[in-house]
PDB file of N, CA and C in Angstrom:
ATOM      1  N   MET A   1     112.700  92.620 122.360  1.00  0.00           N
ATOM      2  CA  MET A   1     112.036  92.435 121.086  1.00  0.00           C
ATOM      3  C   MET A   1     112.995  91.701 120.151  1.00  0.00           C
ATOM      4  N   GLU A   2     112.471  90.697 119.505  1.00  0.00           N
ATOM      5  CA  GLU A   2     113.238  89.939 118.517  1.00  0.00           C
ATOM      6  C   GLU A   2     112.702  90.284 117.131  1.00  0.00           C
ATOM      7  N   TYR A   3     113.591  90.488 116.183  1.00  0.00           N
ATOM      8  CA  TYR A   3     113.210  90.836 114.816  1.00  0.00           C
ATOM      9  C   TYR A   3     113.458  89.639 113.912  1.00  0.00           C
ATOM     10  N   THR A   4     112.403  89.140 113.275  1.00  0.00           N
ATOM     11  CA  THR A   4     112.551  87.984 112.397  1.00  0.00           C
ATOM     12  C   THR A   4     113.247  88.385 111.102  1.00  0.00           C
ATOM     13  N   ARG A   5     113.790  87.387 110.435  1.00  0.00           N
ATOM     14  CA  ARG A   5     114.410  87.640 109.135  1.00  0.00           C
ATOM     15  C   ARG A   5     113.373  88.228 108.175  1.00  0.00           C
ATOM     16  N   HIS A   6     112.163  87.673 108.207  1.00  0.00           N
ATOM     17  CA  HIS A   6     111.098  88.179 107.333  1.00  0.00           C
ATOM     18  C   HIS A   6     110.838  89.660 107.602  1.00  0.00           C
ATOM     19  N   PHE A   7     110.768  90.045 108.866  1.00  0.00           N
ATOM     20  CA  PHE A   7     110.543  91.444 109.226  1.00  0.00           C
ATOM     21  C   PHE A   7     111.625  92.330 108.615  1.00  0.00           C
ATOM     22  N   ASN A   8     112.882  91.945 108.800  1.00  0.00           N
ATOM     23  CA  ASN A   8     113.994  92.737 108.263  1.00  0.00           C
ATOM     24  C   ASN A   8     113.955  92.798 106.743  1.00  0.00           C
ATOM     25  N   GLU A   9     113.612  91.682 106.101  1.00  0.00           N
ATOM     26  CA  GLU A   9     113.511  91.663 104.639  1.00  0.00           C
ATOM     27  C   GLU A   9     112.390  92.581 104.156  1.00  0.00           C
ATOM     28  N   MET A  10     111.271  92.588 104.880  1.00  0.00           N
ATOM     29  CA  MET A  10     110.139  93.425 104.469  1.00  0.00           C
ATOM     30  C   MET A  10     110.458  94.906 104.617  1.00  0.00           C
ATOM     31  N   LEU A  11     111.201  95.268 105.655  1.00  0.00           N
ATOM     32  CA  LEU A  11     111.608  96.665 105.781  1.00  0.00           C
ATOM     33  C   LEU A  11     112.395  97.090 104.553  1.00  0.00           C
ATOM     34  N   GLU A  12     113.349  96.262 104.163  1.00  0.00           N
ATOM     35  CA  GLU A  12     114.189  96.600 103.015  1.00  0.00           C
ATOM     36  C   GLU A  12     113.388  96.589 101.716  1.00  0.00           C
ATOM     37  N   GLU A  13     112.626  95.535 101.502  1.00  0.00           N
ATOM     38  CA  GLU A  13     111.874  95.378 100.255  1.00  0.00           C
ATOM     39  C   GLU A  13     110.824  96.473 100.073  1.00  0.00           C
ATOM     40  N   ARG A  14     110.226  96.900 101.169  1.00  0.00           N
ATOM     41  CA  ARG A  14     109.133  97.871 101.101  1.00  0.00           C
ATOM     42  C   ARG A  14     109.588  99.302 101.394  1.00  0.00           C
ATOM     43  N   ASN A  15     110.896  99.503 101.477  1.00  0.00           N
ATOM     44  CA  ASN A  15     111.461 100.836 101.728  1.00  0.00           C
ATOM     45  C   ASN A  15     110.894 101.478 102.994  1.00  0.00           C
ATOM     46  N   ILE A  16     110.824 100.680 104.050  1.00  0.00           N
ATOM     47  CA  ILE A  16     110.346 101.168 105.344  1.00  0.00           C
ATOM     48  C   ILE A  16     111.560 101.397 106.236  1.00  0.00           C
ATOM     49  N   ARG A  17     111.726 102.615 106.685  1.00  0.00           N
ATOM     50  CA  ARG A  17     112.850 102.916 107.572  1.00  0.00           C
ATOM     51  C   ARG A  17     112.650 102.236 108.921  1.00  0.00           C
ATOM     52  N   ARG A  18     113.729 101.683 109.450  1.00  0.00           N
ATOM     53  CA  ARG A  18     113.651 101.046 110.773  1.00  0.00           C
ATOM     54  C   ARG A  18     113.181 102.061 111.818  1.00  0.00           C
ATOM     55  N   SER A  19     113.598 103.313 111.681  1.00  0.00           N
ATOM     56  CA  SER A  19     113.181 104.338 112.650  1.00  0.00           C
ATOM     57  C   SER A  19     111.661 104.530 112.627  1.00  0.00           C
ATOM     58  N   TRP A  20     111.030 104.396 111.448  1.00  0.00           N
ATOM     59  CA  TRP A  20     109.567 104.492 111.375  1.00  0.00           C
ATOM     60  C   TRP A  20     108.928 103.327 112.119  1.00  0.00           C
ATOM     61  N   ALA A  21     109.468 102.123 111.924  1.00  0.00           N
ATOM     62  CA  ALA A  21     108.926 100.939 112.603  1.00  0.00           C
ATOM     63  C   ALA A  21     109.087 101.080 114.118  1.00  0.00           C
ATOM     64  N   GLU A  22     110.244 101.535 114.563  1.00  0.00           N
ATOM     65  CA  GLU A  22     110.483 101.696 115.995  1.00  0.00           C
ATOM     66  C   GLU A  22     109.571 102.761 116.596  1.00  0.00           C
ATOM     67  N   GLU A  23     109.393 103.867 115.879  1.00  0.00           N
ATOM     68  CA  GLU A  23     108.503 104.931 116.355  1.00  0.00           C
ATOM     69  C   GLU A  23     107.060 104.427 116.423  1.00  0.00           C
ATOM     70  N   THR A  24     106.678 103.597 115.455  1.00  0.00           N
ATOM     71  CA  THR A  24     105.332 103.020 115.449  1.00  0.00           C
ATOM     72  C   THR A  24     105.126 102.132 116.669  1.00  0.00           C
ATOM     73  N   LEU A  25     106.144 101.359 117.023  1.00  0.00           N
ATOM     74  CA  LEU A  25     106.043 100.494 118.201  1.00  0.00           C
ATOM     75  C   LEU A  25     106.016 101.301 119.498  1.00  0.00           C
ATOM     76  N   GLN A  26     106.795 102.365 119.563  1.00  0.00           N
ATOM     77  CA  GLN A  26     106.898 103.155 120.796  1.00  0.00           C
ATOM     78  C   GLN A  26     105.728 104.117 120.982  1.00  0.00           C
ATOM     79  N   ASN A  27     105.230 104.663 119.875  1.00  0.00           N
ATOM     80  CA  ASN A  27     104.177 105.686 119.941  1.00  0.00           C
ATOM     81  C   ASN A  27     103.122 105.455 118.867  1.00  0.00           C
ATOM     82  N   PRO A  28     102.395 104.352 118.939  1.00  0.00           N
ATOM     83  CA  PRO A  28     101.398 104.084 117.895  1.00  0.00           C
ATOM     84  C   PRO A  28     100.215 105.047 117.988  1.00  0.00           C
ATOM     85  N   ASP A  29      99.609 105.325 116.834  1.00  0.00           N
ATOM     86  CA  ASP A  29      98.350 106.074 116.841  1.00  0.00           C
ATOM     87  C   ASP A  29      97.226 105.180 117.342  1.00  0.00           C
ATOM     88  N   ARG A  30      97.373 103.887 117.087  1.00  0.00           N
ATOM     89  CA  ARG A  30      96.422 102.921 117.632  1.00  0.00           C
ATOM     90  C   ARG A  30      97.016 101.525 117.591  1.00  0.00           C
ATOM     91  N   THR A  31      96.411 100.622 118.360  1.00  0.00           N
ATOM     92  CA  THR A  31      96.824  99.222 118.359  1.00  0.00           C
ATOM     93  C   THR A  31      95.584  98.356 118.190  1.00  0.00           C
ATOM     94  N   GLU A  32      95.807  97.167 117.633  1.00  0.00           N
ATOM     95  CA  GLU A  32      94.729  96.195 117.466  1.00  0.00           C
ATOM     96  C   GLU A  32      95.249  94.843 117.931  1.00  0.00           C
ATOM     97  N   ASP A  33      94.498  94.173 118.794  1.00  0.00           N
ATOM     98  CA  ASP A  33      94.827  92.810 119.203  1.00  0.00           C
ATOM     99  C   ASP A  33      94.034  91.847 118.332  1.00  0.00           C
ATOM    100  N   HIS A  34      94.725  90.859 117.769  1.00  0.00           N
ATOM    101  CA  HIS A  34      94.093  89.884 116.888  1.00  0.00           C
ATOM    102  C   HIS A  34      94.077  88.515 117.550  1.00  0.00           C
ATOM    103  N   GLU A  35      93.117  87.693 117.141  1.00  0.00           N
ATOM    104  CA  GLU A  35      92.930  86.374 117.747  1.00  0.00           C
ATOM    105  C   GLU A  35      94.104  85.436 117.511  1.00  0.00           C
ATOM    106  N   ASP A  36      94.927  85.719 116.511  1.00  0.00           N
ATOM    107  CA  ASP A  36      96.060  84.839 116.198  1.00  0.00           C
ATOM    108  C   ASP A  36      97.269  85.090 117.101  1.00  0.00           C
ATOM    109  N   GLY A  37      97.101  85.929 118.127  1.00  0.00           N
ATOM    110  CA  GLY A  37      98.196  86.195 119.057  1.00  0.00           C
ATOM    111  C   GLY A  37      99.109  87.321 118.618  1.00  0.00           C
ATOM    112  N   THR A  38      98.651  88.103 117.645  1.00  0.00           N
ATOM    113  CA  THR A  38      99.456  89.241 117.207  1.00  0.00           C
ATOM    114  C   THR A  38      98.809  90.538 117.673  1.00  0.00           C
ATOM    115  N   ARG A  39      99.658  91.532 117.841  1.00  0.00           N
ATOM    116  CA  ARG A  39      99.210  92.892 118.128  1.00  0.00           C
ATOM    117  C   ARG A  39      99.730  93.759 116.987  1.00  0.00           C
ATOM    118  N   HIS A  40      98.837  94.553 116.421  1.00  0.00           N
ATOM    119  CA  HIS A  40      99.184  95.420 115.301  1.00  0.00           C
ATOM    120  C   HIS A  40      99.332  96.842 115.829  1.00  0.00           C
ATOM    121  N   PHE A  41     100.497  97.418 115.599  1.00  0.00           N
ATOM    122  CA  PHE A  41     100.797  98.791 115.982  1.00  0.00           C
ATOM    123  C   PHE A  41     100.696  99.626 114.712  1.00  0.00           C
ATOM    124  N   ILE A  42      99.919 100.699 114.768  1.00  0.00           N
ATOM    125  CA  ILE A  42      99.609 101.468 113.563  1.00  0.00           C
ATOM    126  C   ILE A  42      99.927 102.934 113.815  1.00  0.00           C
ATOM    127  N   ARG A  43     100.626 103.526 112.840  1.00  0.00           N
ATOM    128  CA  ARG A  43     100.998 104.939 112.971  1.00  0.00           C
ATOM    129  C   ARG A  43     101.031 105.579 111.588  1.00  0.00           C
ATOM    130  N   GLN A  44     100.553 106.811 111.525  1.00  0.00           N
ATOM    131  CA  GLN A  44     100.611 107.567 110.282  1.00  0.00           C
ATOM    132  C   GLN A  44     102.002 108.180 110.154  1.00  0.00           C
ATOM    133  N   ILE A  45     102.618 107.984 108.994  1.00  0.00           N
ATOM    134  CA  ILE A  45     103.984 108.445 108.754  1.00  0.00           C
ATOM    135  C   ILE A  45     103.937 109.690 107.868  1.00  0.00           C
ATOM    136  N   SER A  46     104.117 110.849 108.466  1.00  0.00           N
ATOM    137  CA  SER A  46     104.005 112.105 107.722  1.00  0.00           C
ATOM    138  C   SER A  46     105.094 112.240 106.664  1.00  0.00           C
ATOM    139  N   GLU A  47     106.281 111.679 106.941  1.00  0.00           N
ATOM    140  CA  GLU A  47     107.393 111.778 105.984  1.00  0.00           C
ATOM    141  C   GLU A  47     107.181 110.906 104.752  1.00  0.00           C
ATOM    142  N   TYR A  48     106.143 110.103 104.753  1.00  0.00           N
ATOM    143  CA  TYR A  48     105.888 109.192 103.632  1.00  0.00           C
ATOM    144  C   TYR A  48     104.459 109.377 103.131  1.00  0.00           C
ATOM    145  N   GLY A  49     104.093 110.630 102.920  1.00  0.00           N
ATOM    146  CA  GLY A  49     102.794 110.947 102.340  1.00  0.00           C
ATOM    147  C   GLY A  49     101.614 110.630 103.243  1.00  0.00           C
ATOM    148  N   ASN A  50     101.841 110.688 104.558  1.00  0.00           N
ATOM    149  CA  ASN A  50     100.801 110.391 105.546  1.00  0.00           C
ATOM    150  C   ASN A  50     100.212 108.992 105.411  1.00  0.00           C
ATOM    151  N   ARG A  51     101.004 108.076 104.880  1.00  0.00           N
ATOM    152  CA  ARG A  51     100.540 106.689 104.776  1.00  0.00           C
ATOM    153  C   ARG A  51     100.596 106.036 106.151  1.00  0.00           C
ATOM    154  N   TRP A  52      99.774 104.992 106.329  1.00  0.00           N
ATOM    155  CA  TRP A  52      99.660 104.294 107.606  1.00  0.00           C
ATOM    156  C   TRP A  52     100.576 103.087 107.629  1.00  0.00           C
ATOM    157  N   LEU A  53     101.495 103.063 108.586  1.00  0.00           N
ATOM    158  CA  LEU A  53     102.400 101.936 108.757  1.00  0.00           C
ATOM    159  C   LEU A  53     101.819 100.995 109.805  1.00  0.00           C
ATOM    160  N   ARG A  54     101.793  99.721 109.452  1.00  0.00           N
ATOM    161  CA  ARG A  54     101.303  98.675 110.363  1.00  0.00           C
ATOM    162  C   ARG A  54     102.480  97.758 110.676  1.00  0.00           C
ATOM    163  N   VAL A  55     102.807  97.615 111.957  1.00  0.00           N
ATOM    164  CA  VAL A  55     103.874  96.725 112.413  1.00  0.00           C
ATOM    165  C   VAL A  55     103.210  95.622 113.236  1.00  0.00           C
ATOM    166  N   VAL A  56     103.445  94.372 112.828  1.00  0.00           N
ATOM    167  CA  VAL A  56     102.779  93.226 113.442  1.00  0.00           C
ATOM    168  C   VAL A  56     103.758  92.508 114.366  1.00  0.00           C
ATOM    169  N   ILE A  57     103.336  92.332 115.623  1.00  0.00           N
ATOM    170  CA  ILE A  57     104.162  91.711 116.657  1.00  0.00           C
ATOM    171  C   ILE A  57     103.458  90.463 117.179  1.00  0.00           C
ATOM    172  N   ASN A  58     104.199  89.365 117.292  1.00  0.00           N
ATOM    173  CA  ASN A  58     103.688  88.162 117.944  1.00  0.00           C
ATOM    174  C   ASN A  58     103.913  88.352 119.440  1.00  0.00           C
ATOM    175  N   VAL A  59     102.836  88.627 120.159  1.00  0.00           N
ATOM    176  CA  VAL A  59     102.957  88.898 121.591  1.00  0.00           C
ATOM    177  C   VAL A  59     102.952  87.618 122.420  1.00  0.00           C
ATOM    178  N   ASN A  60     102.678  86.473 121.783  1.00  0.00           N
ATOM    179  CA  ASN A  60     102.734  85.194 122.494  1.00  0.00           C
ATOM    180  C   ASN A  60     104.159  84.666 122.594  1.00  0.00           C
ATOM    181  N   ALA A  61     105.048  85.169 121.759  1.00  0.00           N
ATOM    182  CA  ALA A  61     106.451  84.748 121.790  1.00  0.00           C
ATOM    183  C   ALA A  61     107.158  85.463 122.940  1.00  0.00           C
ATOM    184  N   ASP A  62     108.155  84.801 123.510  1.00  0.00           N
ATOM    185  CA  ASP A  62     108.937  85.401 124.587  1.00  0.00           C
ATOM    186  C   ASP A  62     110.414  85.275 124.244  1.00  0.00           C
ATOM    187  N   PRO A  63     111.086  86.365 123.892  1.00  0.00           N
ATOM    188  CA  PRO A  63     110.573  87.734 123.858  1.00  0.00           C
ATOM    189  C   PRO A  63     109.614  87.940 122.682  1.00  0.00           C
ATOM    190  N   ASN A  64     108.843  89.045 122.746  1.00  0.00           N
ATOM    191  CA  ASN A  64     107.945  89.371 121.642  1.00  0.00           C
ATOM    192  C   ASN A  64     108.731  89.414 120.346  1.00  0.00           C
ATOM    193  N   ARG A  65     108.046  89.039 119.255  1.00  0.00           N
ATOM    194  CA  ARG A  65     108.726  88.899 117.969  1.00  0.00           C
ATOM    195  C   ARG A  65     108.059  89.784 116.917  1.00  0.00           C
ATOM    196  N   ALA A  66     108.853  90.654 116.280  1.00  0.00           N
ATOM    197  CA  ALA A  66     108.363  91.463 115.163  1.00  0.00           C
ATOM    198  C   ALA A  66     108.233  90.557 113.948  1.00  0.00           C
ATOM    199  N   VAL A  67     107.024  90.468 113.408  1.00  0.00           N
ATOM    200  CA  VAL A  67     106.729  89.534 112.330  1.00  0.00           C
ATOM    201  C   VAL A  67     106.839  90.190 110.965  1.00  0.00           C
ATOM    202  N   THR A  68     106.166  91.336 110.789  1.00  0.00           N
ATOM    203  CA  THR A  68     106.177  92.002 109.492  1.00  0.00           C
ATOM    204  C   THR A  68     105.797  93.464 109.665  1.00  0.00           C
ATOM    205  N   ALA A  69     105.972  94.226 108.602  1.00  0.00           N
ATOM    206  CA  ALA A  69     105.582  95.635 108.580  1.00  0.00           C
ATOM    207  C   ALA A  69     105.179  95.983 107.157  1.00  0.00           C
ATOM    208  N   PHE A  70     104.148  96.813 107.039  1.00  0.00           N
ATOM    209  CA  PHE A  70     103.707  97.225 105.704  1.00  0.00           C
ATOM    210  C   PHE A  70     102.868  98.487 105.813  1.00  0.00           C
ATOM    211  N   PHE A  71     102.808  99.218 104.701  1.00  0.00           N
ATOM    212  CA  PHE A  71     101.923 100.365 104.619  1.00  0.00           C
ATOM    213  C   PHE A  71     100.548  99.842 104.245  1.00  0.00           C
ATOM    214  N   ASP A  72      99.563 100.171 105.059  1.00  0.00           N
ATOM    215  CA  ASP A  72      98.222  99.617 104.925  1.00  0.00           C
ATOM    216  C   ASP A  72      97.363 100.521 104.043  1.00  0.00           C
ATOM    217  N   ARG A  73      97.146 100.099 102.815  1.00  0.00           N
ATOM    218  CA  ARG A  73      96.345 100.890 101.872  1.00  0.00           C
ATOM    219  C   ARG A  73      94.890 100.993 102.309  1.00  0.00           C
ATOM    220  N   ARG A  74      94.394  99.972 102.996  1.00  0.00           N
ATOM    221  CA  ARG A  74      92.992 100.002 103.447  1.00  0.00           C
ATOM    222  C   ARG A  74      92.758 101.172 104.393  1.00  0.00           C
ATOM    223  N   LEU A  75      93.705 101.453 105.261  1.00  0.00           N
ATOM    224  CA  LEU A  75      93.554 102.570 106.195  1.00  0.00           C
ATOM    225  C   LEU A  75      93.620 103.900 105.467  1.00  0.00           C
ATOM    226  N   ARG A  76      94.406 103.970 104.423  1.00  0.00           N
ATOM    227  CA  ARG A  76      94.507 105.214 103.661  1.00  0.00           C
ATOM    228  C   ARG A  76      93.158 105.556 103.038  1.00  0.00           C
ATOM    229  N   ARG A  77      92.486 104.545 102.479  1.00  0.00           N
ATOM    230  CA  ARG A  77      91.166 104.767 101.885  1.00  0.00           C
ATOM    231  C   ARG A  77      90.158 105.187 102.948  1.00  0.00           C
ATOM    232  N   LYS A  78      90.171 104.511 104.085  1.00  0.00           N
ATOM    233  CA  LYS A  78      89.234 104.849 105.152  1.00  0.00           C
ATOM    234  C   LYS A  78      89.472 106.272 105.645  1.00  0.00           C
ATOM    235  N   SER A  79      90.735 106.639 105.797  1.00  0.00           N
ATOM    236  CA  SER A  79      91.076 107.982 106.249  1.00  0.00           C
ATOM    237  C   SER A  79      90.591 109.014 105.237  1.00  0.00           C
ATOM    238  N   HIS A  80      90.792 108.734 103.946  1.00  0.00           N
ATOM    239  CA  HIS A  80      90.369 109.648 102.887  1.00  0.00           C
ATOM    240  C   HIS A  80      88.844 109.762 102.856  1.00  0.00           C
ATOM    241  N   GLU A  81      88.145 108.632 103.019  1.00  0.00           N
ATOM    242  CA  GLU A  81      86.683 108.647 103.024  1.00  0.00           C
ATOM    243  C   GLU A  81      86.158 109.480 104.182  1.00  0.00           C
ATOM    244  N   ASN A  82      86.766 109.361 105.351  1.00  0.00           N
ATOM    245  CA  ASN A  82      86.322 110.129 106.513  1.00  0.00           C
ATOM    246  C   ASN A  82      86.558 111.620 106.326  1.00  0.00           C
ATOM    247  N   GLN A  83      87.636 111.993 105.641  1.00  0.00           N
ATOM    248  CA  GLN A  83      87.938 113.404 105.419  1.00  0.00           C
ATOM    249  C   GLN A  83      86.980 114.029 104.415  1.00  0.00           C
ATOM    250  N   SER A  84      86.476 113.238 103.458  1.00  0.00           N
ATOM    251  CA  SER A  84      85.625 113.794 102.412  1.00  0.00           C
ATOM    252  C   SER A  84      84.165 113.882 102.839  1.00  0.00           C
ATOM    253  N   ARG A  85      83.855 113.423 104.037  1.00  0.00           N
ATOM    254  CA  ARG A  85      82.456 113.492 104.512  1.00  0.00           C
ATOM    255  C   ARG A  85      82.158 114.801 105.164  1.00  0.00           C
TER     256      ARG A  85
END
């Protein structure tokens, strides 16, 4: 796995622990394949208020390349909506 400069900058800027990103890649709650050649690894981070971390990997690159990581607010809303039903 190769980590881009942007990926490393986003971890720092967004206060995302590298261990959270690595755990998300190793044990995702779910994955999504996108048409742009990326795979999104998604995991709920209990240590960070149960927010959903999304780690985006370019799977067409060899070796695979970590592109970015962010907490996905859209998933938080969906999760909350499902719980309130």
